Amino acid sequence: MKKNVTLLFALLFMSAMAFAQAPIQDGEKQVNVGIGLSNYGLPIYAGADFGIGNNISVGGELSYRSYKESYFNFDWSHTIFTIAGNGNYHFNELLNIPSNIDFYAGLSLGYSVWNTKYDGPGGDIDYGGDGTSGLYFFGQVGGRYFFKDNLAANVELGGGSFSGVKVGITYKL
């Protein structure tokens, strides 16, 4: 019985490898959408990646989030809009990872526009927190699991403006 179960899992694993495509290849495109978890609200994001060579992709991303916070009975509303470009190296070939899994790491360069408004009585009150617009540079590491040839679940950890975890779906065009 134990041999039958082992054989069944081996066949399923080989089938998954045979039918799933490798991570992004030269000339391929994919779209990513999802939500994030961060110190500053719940971001939503959309982006695209383009294969430009062996194990290398470049892309861009837009994200938006809003949140409110209070200090000493004073309330502020924040909105953050970010545009970024990224480059990633995909480790599948180097680490001999199955083709239905995509493990990558890279760098991003972006700009965030951070708007803060006082939301309470008494006119404008300066916000003393750490929200400012500006340029940022950070690294990210992530992975995708392709459960179909062109559809994957993704998770990415990053710093900079996003400073958290992104979870979403990738669609390979």
N, C-alpha and C. Protein backbone atom coordinates (compact mmCIF):
# COMPACT_ATOMS: atom_id res chain seq x y z
N MET A 1 0.82 -1.19 0.00
CA MET A 1 0.00 0.00 0.00
C MET A 1 0.87 1.26 0.00
N LYS A 2 1.93 1.27 0.84
CA LYS A 2 2.81 2.42 0.92
C LYS A 2 3.51 2.68 -0.41
N LYS A 3 3.91 1.60 -1.12
CA LYS A 3 4.55 1.76 -2.42
C LYS A 3 3.58 2.35 -3.43
N ASN A 4 2.30 1.97 -3.36
CA ASN A 4 1.30 2.50 -4.29
C ASN A 4 1.10 4.00 -4.09
N VAL A 5 1.07 4.43 -2.84
CA VAL A 5 0.91 5.85 -2.54
C VAL A 5 2.13 6.63 -3.04
N THR A 6 3.32 6.10 -2.79
CA THR A 6 4.55 6.75 -3.26
C THR A 6 4.57 6.84 -4.78
N LEU A 7 4.17 5.77 -5.45
CA LEU A 7 4.12 5.75 -6.90
C LEU A 7 3.11 6.78 -7.42
N LEU A 8 1.95 6.86 -6.76
CA LEU A 8 0.93 7.82 -7.16
C LEU A 8 1.45 9.25 -7.04
N PHE A 9 2.09 9.60 -5.92
CA PHE A 9 2.65 10.93 -5.76
C PHE A 9 3.74 11.21 -6.78
N ALA A 10 4.57 10.24 -7.08
CA ALA A 10 5.62 10.41 -8.08
C ALA A 10 5.01 10.69 -9.46
N LEU A 11 3.96 9.97 -9.81
CA LEU A 11 3.29 10.20 -11.10
C LEU A 11 2.64 11.57 -11.16
N LEU A 12 1.99 11.99 -10.07
CA LEU A 12 1.37 13.31 -10.03
C LEU A 12 2.42 14.42 -10.15
N PHE A 13 3.55 14.26 -9.47
CA PHE A 13 4.62 15.24 -9.52
C PHE A 13 5.17 15.35 -10.94
N MET A 14 5.43 14.22 -11.59
CA MET A 14 5.95 14.23 -12.95
C MET A 14 4.94 14.81 -13.92
N SER A 15 3.65 14.55 -13.70
CA SER A 15 2.61 15.12 -14.56
C SER A 15 2.58 16.63 -14.43
N ALA A 16 2.67 17.12 -13.20
CA ALA A 16 2.66 18.57 -12.98
C ALA A 16 3.85 19.22 -13.68
N MET A 17 5.01 18.58 -13.61
CA MET A 17 6.20 19.13 -14.27
C MET A 17 6.06 19.08 -15.77
N ALA A 18 5.41 18.07 -16.30
CA ALA A 18 5.27 17.93 -17.75
C ALA A 18 4.31 18.96 -18.33
N PHE A 19 3.26 19.34 -17.58
CA PHE A 19 2.23 20.21 -18.13
C PHE A 19 2.40 21.68 -17.76
N ALA A 20 3.14 21.98 -16.75
CA ALA A 20 3.34 23.37 -16.36
C ALA A 20 4.52 23.94 -17.13
N GLN A 21 4.39 25.20 -17.51
CA GLN A 21 5.49 25.86 -18.21
C GLN A 21 6.54 26.33 -17.22
N ALA A 22 7.71 26.57 -17.74
CA ALA A 22 8.77 27.15 -16.92
C ALA A 22 8.39 28.59 -16.58
N PRO A 23 9.02 29.18 -15.55
CA PRO A 23 8.78 30.59 -15.26
C PRO A 23 9.06 31.44 -16.49
N ILE A 24 8.79 32.70 -16.38
CA ILE A 24 8.88 33.62 -17.52
C ILE A 24 10.17 33.44 -18.31
N GLN A 25 10.00 33.37 -19.63
CA GLN A 25 11.11 33.17 -20.54
C GLN A 25 11.25 34.39 -21.45
N ASP A 26 12.35 34.45 -22.18
CA ASP A 26 12.62 35.57 -23.08
C ASP A 26 11.43 35.80 -24.01
N GLY A 27 10.92 37.03 -24.03
CA GLY A 27 9.80 37.40 -24.90
C GLY A 27 8.43 37.18 -24.29
N GLU A 28 8.33 36.51 -23.17
CA GLU A 28 7.03 36.28 -22.53
C GLU A 28 6.62 37.48 -21.69
N LYS A 29 5.32 37.59 -21.45
CA LYS A 29 4.76 38.66 -20.63
C LYS A 29 3.81 38.04 -19.61
N GLN A 30 3.74 38.68 -18.44
CA GLN A 30 2.77 38.24 -17.44
C GLN A 30 2.25 39.45 -16.68
N VAL A 31 1.01 39.32 -16.19
CA VAL A 31 0.33 40.38 -15.44
C VAL A 31 0.13 39.89 -14.02
N ASN A 32 0.36 40.77 -13.05
CA ASN A 32 0.21 40.44 -11.63
C ASN A 32 -0.78 41.40 -10.99
N VAL A 33 -1.71 40.90 -10.20
CA VAL A 33 -2.64 41.73 -9.42
C VAL A 33 -2.80 41.12 -8.05
N GLY A 34 -3.08 41.97 -7.06
CA GLY A 34 -3.30 41.43 -5.73
C GLY A 34 -3.40 42.50 -4.67
N ILE A 35 -3.25 42.06 -3.43
CA ILE A 35 -3.30 42.94 -2.27
C ILE A 35 -2.03 42.75 -1.45
N GLY A 36 -1.80 43.66 -0.57
CA GLY A 36 -0.62 43.57 0.27
C GLY A 36 -0.95 43.75 1.74
N LEU A 37 0.01 43.42 2.55
CA LEU A 37 -0.05 43.67 3.98
C LEU A 37 1.14 44.55 4.30
N SER A 38 0.90 45.70 4.93
CA SER A 38 2.01 46.60 5.21
C SER A 38 1.76 47.35 6.51
N ASN A 39 2.72 48.13 6.90
CA ASN A 39 2.59 48.98 8.08
C ASN A 39 1.66 50.16 7.82
N TYR A 40 1.38 50.46 6.56
CA TYR A 40 0.63 51.64 6.17
C TYR A 40 -0.55 51.27 5.29
N GLY A 41 -1.58 50.70 5.84
CA GLY A 41 -2.79 50.40 5.10
C GLY A 41 -2.71 49.09 4.34
N LEU A 42 -3.77 48.82 3.59
CA LEU A 42 -3.90 47.60 2.81
C LEU A 42 -3.79 47.96 1.33
N PRO A 43 -2.58 47.81 0.74
CA PRO A 43 -2.39 48.22 -0.65
C PRO A 43 -3.02 47.24 -1.65
N ILE A 44 -3.44 47.78 -2.77
CA ILE A 44 -3.81 46.97 -3.93
C ILE A 44 -2.77 47.30 -5.00
N TYR A 45 -2.45 46.31 -5.83
CA TYR A 45 -1.41 46.55 -6.83
C TYR A 45 -1.73 45.84 -8.13
N ALA A 46 -1.12 46.33 -9.20
CA ALA A 46 -1.17 45.70 -10.52
C ALA A 46 0.17 45.96 -11.18
N GLY A 47 0.66 44.97 -11.90
CA GLY A 47 1.94 45.14 -12.57
C GLY A 47 2.10 44.18 -13.72
N ALA A 48 3.20 44.31 -14.42
CA ALA A 48 3.51 43.44 -15.55
C ALA A 48 5.00 43.14 -15.53
N ASP A 49 5.35 41.93 -15.97
CA ASP A 49 6.74 41.50 -16.09
C ASP A 49 6.98 41.04 -17.52
N PHE A 50 8.20 41.29 -18.01
CA PHE A 50 8.58 40.94 -19.37
C PHE A 50 9.89 40.17 -19.33
N GLY A 51 9.91 38.99 -19.91
CA GLY A 51 11.14 38.21 -19.99
C GLY A 51 12.07 38.83 -21.00
N ILE A 52 13.29 39.17 -20.58
CA ILE A 52 14.24 39.83 -21.49
C ILE A 52 15.49 38.99 -21.74
N GLY A 53 15.58 37.84 -21.14
CA GLY A 53 16.75 37.00 -21.32
C GLY A 53 16.64 35.75 -20.49
N ASN A 54 17.68 34.98 -20.50
CA ASN A 54 17.71 33.74 -19.74
C ASN A 54 17.61 34.03 -18.24
N ASN A 55 16.48 33.71 -17.64
CA ASN A 55 16.24 33.84 -16.20
C ASN A 55 16.12 35.28 -15.70
N ILE A 56 15.91 36.25 -16.58
CA ILE A 56 15.83 37.65 -16.19
C ILE A 56 14.54 38.27 -16.69
N SER A 57 13.89 39.05 -15.81
CA SER A 57 12.69 39.79 -16.21
C SER A 57 12.78 41.22 -15.70
N VAL A 58 12.10 42.12 -16.40
CA VAL A 58 11.94 43.50 -15.96
C VAL A 58 10.45 43.80 -16.00
N GLY A 59 10.04 44.79 -15.23
CA GLY A 59 8.62 45.10 -15.21
C GLY A 59 8.32 46.40 -14.52
N GLY A 60 7.03 46.63 -14.34
CA GLY A 60 6.56 47.82 -13.67
C GLY A 60 5.36 47.49 -12.82
N GLU A 61 5.07 48.40 -11.88
CA GLU A 61 3.96 48.16 -10.96
C GLU A 61 3.37 49.47 -10.48
N LEU A 62 2.05 49.47 -10.29
CA LEU A 62 1.32 50.57 -9.68
C LEU A 62 0.66 50.05 -8.41
N SER A 63 0.67 50.85 -7.35
CA SER A 63 -0.05 50.44 -6.15
C SER A 63 -0.75 51.65 -5.54
N TYR A 64 -1.81 51.36 -4.81
CA TYR A 64 -2.60 52.40 -4.14
C TYR A 64 -3.03 51.87 -2.79
N ARG A 65 -3.02 52.74 -1.80
CA ARG A 65 -3.55 52.40 -0.48
C ARG A 65 -4.00 53.66 0.24
N SER A 66 -4.88 53.47 1.18
CA SER A 66 -5.31 54.57 2.03
C SER A 66 -5.54 54.02 3.42
N TYR A 67 -5.35 54.89 4.41
CA TYR A 67 -5.61 54.49 5.79
C TYR A 67 -5.75 55.74 6.65
N LYS A 68 -6.29 55.55 7.85
CA LYS A 68 -6.47 56.63 8.80
C LYS A 68 -5.72 56.29 10.08
N GLU A 69 -5.30 57.34 10.77
CA GLU A 69 -4.68 57.14 12.08
C GLU A 69 -5.02 58.31 12.99
N SER A 70 -4.93 58.08 14.28
CA SER A 70 -5.26 59.09 15.28
C SER A 70 -4.14 59.23 16.30
N TYR A 71 -3.89 60.48 16.69
CA TYR A 71 -2.96 60.79 17.78
C TYR A 71 -3.63 61.85 18.66
N PHE A 72 -3.81 61.57 19.92
CA PHE A 72 -4.34 62.54 20.88
C PHE A 72 -5.63 63.20 20.38
N ASN A 73 -6.56 62.40 19.90
CA ASN A 73 -7.86 62.87 19.40
C ASN A 73 -7.78 63.69 18.11
N PHE A 74 -6.66 63.64 17.43
CA PHE A 74 -6.53 64.26 16.11
C PHE A 74 -6.45 63.13 15.09
N ASP A 75 -7.21 63.26 14.00
CA ASP A 75 -7.27 62.20 12.98
C ASP A 75 -6.68 62.69 11.66
N TRP A 76 -5.94 61.79 11.01
CA TRP A 76 -5.38 62.07 9.71
C TRP A 76 -5.76 60.98 8.72
N SER A 77 -6.00 61.36 7.48
CA SER A 77 -6.27 60.42 6.39
C SER A 77 -5.08 60.44 5.45
N HIS A 78 -4.62 59.26 5.06
CA HIS A 78 -3.46 59.14 4.19
C HIS A 78 -3.85 58.39 2.91
N THR A 79 -3.31 58.83 1.79
CA THR A 79 -3.38 58.06 0.55
C THR A 79 -1.97 58.00 -0.02
N ILE A 80 -1.63 56.82 -0.55
CA ILE A 80 -0.30 56.62 -1.10
C ILE A 80 -0.44 55.97 -2.47
N PHE A 81 0.11 56.62 -3.48
CA PHE A 81 0.13 56.10 -4.84
C PHE A 81 1.59 55.88 -5.21
N THR A 82 1.93 54.69 -5.71
CA THR A 82 3.31 54.37 -6.03
C THR A 82 3.42 53.82 -7.45
N ILE A 83 4.45 54.24 -8.15
CA ILE A 83 4.81 53.67 -9.44
C ILE A 83 6.26 53.20 -9.33
N ALA A 84 6.53 52.01 -9.83
CA ALA A 84 7.89 51.44 -9.68
C ALA A 84 8.26 50.59 -10.88
N GLY A 85 9.55 50.50 -11.13
CA GLY A 85 10.11 49.58 -12.10
C GLY A 85 10.92 48.54 -11.35
N ASN A 86 11.00 47.32 -11.89
CA ASN A 86 11.76 46.28 -11.19
C ASN A 86 12.51 45.40 -12.17
N GLY A 87 13.50 44.72 -11.62
CA GLY A 87 14.24 43.70 -12.35
C GLY A 87 14.42 42.50 -11.44
N ASN A 88 14.23 41.30 -11.97
CA ASN A 88 14.31 40.08 -11.16
C ASN A 88 15.15 39.02 -11.85
N TYR A 89 15.81 38.24 -11.03
CA TYR A 89 16.50 37.03 -11.50
C TYR A 89 15.69 35.84 -11.01
N HIS A 90 15.40 34.89 -11.91
CA HIS A 90 14.59 33.70 -11.60
C HIS A 90 15.54 32.51 -11.41
N PHE A 91 15.49 31.90 -10.24
CA PHE A 91 16.48 30.91 -9.80
C PHE A 91 16.18 29.47 -10.19
N ASN A 92 15.14 29.20 -10.95
CA ASN A 92 14.73 27.83 -11.25
C ASN A 92 15.83 26.98 -11.86
N GLU A 93 16.45 27.51 -12.89
CA GLU A 93 17.50 26.75 -13.57
C GLU A 93 18.71 26.53 -12.66
N LEU A 94 19.12 27.58 -11.98
CA LEU A 94 20.29 27.52 -11.10
C LEU A 94 20.09 26.54 -9.95
N LEU A 95 18.90 26.53 -9.35
CA LEU A 95 18.62 25.68 -8.19
C LEU A 95 17.88 24.39 -8.54
N ASN A 96 17.65 24.16 -9.83
CA ASN A 96 16.95 22.96 -10.30
C ASN A 96 15.58 22.81 -9.63
N ILE A 97 14.80 23.89 -9.67
CA ILE A 97 13.46 23.92 -9.08
C ILE A 97 12.47 23.45 -10.13
N PRO A 98 11.43 22.70 -9.75
CA PRO A 98 10.42 22.25 -10.72
C PRO A 98 9.82 23.43 -11.49
N SER A 99 9.43 23.19 -12.71
CA SER A 99 9.00 24.26 -13.62
C SER A 99 7.68 24.91 -13.22
N ASN A 100 6.88 24.29 -12.36
CA ASN A 100 5.63 24.93 -11.96
C ASN A 100 5.81 25.86 -10.76
N ILE A 101 7.04 26.00 -10.30
CA ILE A 101 7.37 26.93 -9.22
C ILE A 101 8.37 27.94 -9.76
N ASP A 102 8.15 29.21 -9.46
CA ASP A 102 9.04 30.29 -9.89
C ASP A 102 9.56 31.00 -8.65
N PHE A 103 10.85 30.89 -8.38
CA PHE A 103 11.48 31.57 -7.25
C PHE A 103 12.37 32.66 -7.81
N TYR A 104 12.19 33.92 -7.34
CA TYR A 104 12.93 35.04 -7.90
C TYR A 104 13.32 36.04 -6.82
N ALA A 105 14.27 36.88 -7.14
CA ALA A 105 14.68 38.00 -6.28
C ALA A 105 15.18 39.11 -7.18
N GLY A 106 15.07 40.34 -6.70
CA GLY A 106 15.51 41.45 -7.52
C GLY A 106 15.48 42.78 -6.80
N LEU A 107 15.56 43.84 -7.60
CA LEU A 107 15.58 45.21 -7.09
C LEU A 107 14.50 46.03 -7.77
N SER A 108 13.99 47.04 -7.04
CA SER A 108 12.98 47.95 -7.58
C SER A 108 13.39 49.39 -7.31
N LEU A 109 12.99 50.25 -8.23
CA LEU A 109 13.18 51.69 -8.10
C LEU A 109 11.82 52.32 -8.35
N GLY A 110 11.37 53.17 -7.42
CA GLY A 110 10.05 53.73 -7.59
C GLY A 110 9.89 55.10 -6.96
N TYR A 111 8.70 55.64 -7.14
CA TYR A 111 8.36 56.93 -6.56
C TYR A 111 6.98 56.83 -5.94
N SER A 112 6.85 57.29 -4.70
CA SER A 112 5.57 57.30 -4.01
C SER A 112 5.10 58.73 -3.79
N VAL A 113 3.82 58.95 -4.01
CA VAL A 113 3.18 60.22 -3.69
C VAL A 113 2.31 59.96 -2.47
N TRP A 114 2.66 60.58 -1.35
CA TRP A 114 2.00 60.34 -0.07
C TRP A 114 1.28 61.62 0.33
N ASN A 115 -0.06 61.57 0.32
CA ASN A 115 -0.87 62.73 0.71
C ASN A 115 -1.47 62.49 2.09
N THR A 116 -1.38 63.50 2.94
CA THR A 116 -1.93 63.42 4.30
C THR A 116 -2.83 64.63 4.51
N LYS A 117 -4.04 64.36 5.02
CA LYS A 117 -4.99 65.43 5.30
C LYS A 117 -5.47 65.29 6.73
N TYR A 118 -5.58 66.42 7.39
CA TYR A 118 -6.17 66.44 8.72
C TYR A 118 -7.66 66.21 8.58
N ASP A 119 -8.22 65.37 9.40
CA ASP A 119 -9.63 64.99 9.30
C ASP A 119 -10.30 65.23 10.65
N GLY A 120 -10.50 66.50 11.00
CA GLY A 120 -11.10 66.81 12.29
C GLY A 120 -11.34 68.29 12.46
N PRO A 121 -11.83 68.69 13.66
CA PRO A 121 -12.13 70.10 13.91
C PRO A 121 -10.87 70.92 14.14
N GLY A 122 -10.98 72.22 13.97
CA GLY A 122 -9.89 73.11 14.33
C GLY A 122 -8.95 73.49 13.21
N GLY A 123 -9.28 73.23 11.96
CA GLY A 123 -8.42 73.63 10.86
C GLY A 123 -7.25 72.69 10.66
N ASP A 124 -6.26 73.15 9.90
CA ASP A 124 -5.09 72.33 9.59
C ASP A 124 -4.19 72.15 10.80
N ILE A 125 -3.77 70.93 11.02
CA ILE A 125 -2.81 70.61 12.07
C ILE A 125 -1.72 69.79 11.41
N ASP A 126 -0.46 70.17 11.63
CA ASP A 126 0.66 69.46 11.01
C ASP A 126 0.71 68.01 11.47
N TYR A 127 1.01 67.16 10.52
CA TYR A 127 1.17 65.73 10.80
C TYR A 127 2.63 65.48 11.17
N GLY A 128 2.88 64.84 12.30
CA GLY A 128 4.24 64.60 12.75
C GLY A 128 4.74 63.20 12.48
N GLY A 129 4.02 62.43 11.66
CA GLY A 129 4.40 61.04 11.39
C GLY A 129 5.47 60.92 10.33
N ASP A 130 5.67 59.69 9.85
CA ASP A 130 6.77 59.41 8.93
C ASP A 130 6.34 59.27 7.48
N GLY A 131 5.22 59.84 7.08
CA GLY A 131 4.76 59.71 5.71
C GLY A 131 5.22 60.84 4.83
N THR A 132 6.07 60.54 3.85
CA THR A 132 6.53 61.55 2.91
C THR A 132 6.62 60.96 1.51
N SER A 133 6.41 61.81 0.53
CA SER A 133 6.59 61.39 -0.86
C SER A 133 8.08 61.27 -1.15
N GLY A 134 8.40 60.48 -2.16
CA GLY A 134 9.80 60.44 -2.55
C GLY A 134 10.19 59.21 -3.33
N LEU A 135 11.45 59.20 -3.72
CA LEU A 135 12.07 58.13 -4.48
C LEU A 135 12.52 57.04 -3.52
N TYR A 136 12.41 55.78 -3.92
CA TYR A 136 12.90 54.70 -3.08
C TYR A 136 13.54 53.62 -3.93
N PHE A 137 14.41 52.87 -3.29
CA PHE A 137 15.15 51.77 -3.90
C PHE A 137 15.14 50.63 -2.90
N PHE A 138 14.71 49.43 -3.32
CA PHE A 138 14.65 48.32 -2.38
C PHE A 138 14.74 46.98 -3.10
N GLY A 139 14.90 45.95 -2.33
CA GLY A 139 14.95 44.59 -2.86
C GLY A 139 13.67 43.84 -2.56
N GLN A 140 13.45 42.80 -3.33
CA GLN A 140 12.30 41.93 -3.12
C GLN A 140 12.70 40.49 -3.39
N VAL A 141 11.95 39.58 -2.77
CA VAL A 141 12.12 38.15 -3.02
C VAL A 141 10.71 37.56 -3.08
N GLY A 142 10.48 36.65 -4.02
CA GLY A 142 9.13 36.13 -4.17
C GLY A 142 9.09 34.78 -4.83
N GLY A 143 7.89 34.28 -4.91
CA GLY A 143 7.67 32.99 -5.55
C GLY A 143 6.27 32.89 -6.12
N ARG A 144 6.15 32.04 -7.12
CA ARG A 144 4.86 31.76 -7.75
C ARG A 144 4.67 30.26 -7.85
N TYR A 145 3.44 29.83 -7.71
CA TYR A 145 3.10 28.43 -7.93
C TYR A 145 2.09 28.38 -9.07
N PHE A 146 2.51 27.81 -10.21
CA PHE A 146 1.64 27.70 -11.39
C PHE A 146 0.77 26.46 -11.25
N PHE A 147 -0.52 26.67 -11.01
CA PHE A 147 -1.44 25.54 -10.94
C PHE A 147 -2.06 25.26 -12.29
N LYS A 148 -1.84 26.12 -13.27
CA LYS A 148 -2.16 25.91 -14.68
C LYS A 148 -0.99 26.49 -15.46
N ASP A 149 -0.92 26.20 -16.75
CA ASP A 149 0.20 26.70 -17.56
C ASP A 149 0.35 28.21 -17.51
N ASN A 150 -0.78 28.92 -17.43
CA ASN A 150 -0.71 30.38 -17.50
C ASN A 150 -1.27 31.08 -16.26
N LEU A 151 -1.53 30.36 -15.18
CA LEU A 151 -2.13 30.96 -13.99
C LEU A 151 -1.40 30.51 -12.73
N ALA A 152 -1.01 31.50 -11.91
CA ALA A 152 -0.22 31.18 -10.71
C ALA A 152 -0.68 32.03 -9.53
N ALA A 153 -0.45 31.52 -8.34
CA ALA A 153 -0.58 32.29 -7.11
C ALA A 153 0.82 32.82 -6.79
N ASN A 154 0.91 34.07 -6.33
CA ASN A 154 2.24 34.61 -6.02
C ASN A 154 2.28 35.24 -4.63
N VAL A 155 3.47 35.22 -4.06
CA VAL A 155 3.76 35.85 -2.77
C VAL A 155 5.10 36.56 -2.92
N GLU A 156 5.18 37.79 -2.43
CA GLU A 156 6.43 38.54 -2.53
C GLU A 156 6.66 39.34 -1.25
N LEU A 157 7.90 39.31 -0.78
CA LEU A 157 8.31 40.11 0.37
C LEU A 157 9.17 41.25 -0.14
N GLY A 158 8.92 42.46 0.36
CA GLY A 158 9.71 43.59 -0.11
C GLY A 158 9.84 44.66 0.93
N GLY A 159 10.71 45.60 0.67
CA GLY A 159 10.92 46.72 1.57
C GLY A 159 10.51 48.01 0.91
N GLY A 160 11.18 49.08 1.25
CA GLY A 160 10.90 50.38 0.64
C GLY A 160 9.49 50.86 0.95
N SER A 161 8.85 51.46 -0.03
CA SER A 161 7.52 52.04 0.15
C SER A 161 6.48 50.98 0.52
N PHE A 162 6.61 49.79 -0.01
CA PHE A 162 5.62 48.75 0.24
C PHE A 162 5.79 48.14 1.63
N SER A 163 7.00 47.92 2.07
CA SER A 163 7.38 47.40 3.38
C SER A 163 6.42 46.35 3.92
N GLY A 164 6.30 45.26 3.20
CA GLY A 164 5.42 44.20 3.66
C GLY A 164 5.38 43.02 2.72
N VAL A 165 4.22 42.37 2.70
CA VAL A 165 4.00 41.16 1.91
C VAL A 165 2.91 41.44 0.88
N LYS A 166 3.13 40.95 -0.34
CA LYS A 166 2.11 41.03 -1.38
C LYS A 166 1.65 39.61 -1.70
N VAL A 167 0.36 39.45 -1.89
CA VAL A 167 -0.23 38.17 -2.26
C VAL A 167 -1.15 38.42 -3.45
N GLY A 168 -1.03 37.59 -4.48
CA GLY A 168 -1.87 37.83 -5.64
C GLY A 168 -1.89 36.70 -6.64
N ILE A 169 -2.32 37.05 -7.82
CA ILE A 169 -2.47 36.11 -8.94
C ILE A 169 -1.62 36.62 -10.10
N THR A 170 -0.97 35.70 -10.79
CA THR A 170 -0.22 36.02 -12.00
C THR A 170 -0.86 35.32 -13.18
N TYR A 171 -1.06 36.07 -14.25
CA TYR A 171 -1.59 35.50 -15.49
C TYR A 171 -0.53 35.67 -16.57
N LYS A 172 -0.08 34.56 -17.14
CA LYS A 172 0.92 34.60 -18.20
C LYS A 172 0.21 34.75 -19.54
N LEU A 173 0.59 35.80 -20.30
CA LEU A 173 -0.05 36.07 -21.60
C LEU A 173 0.55 35.22 -22.69
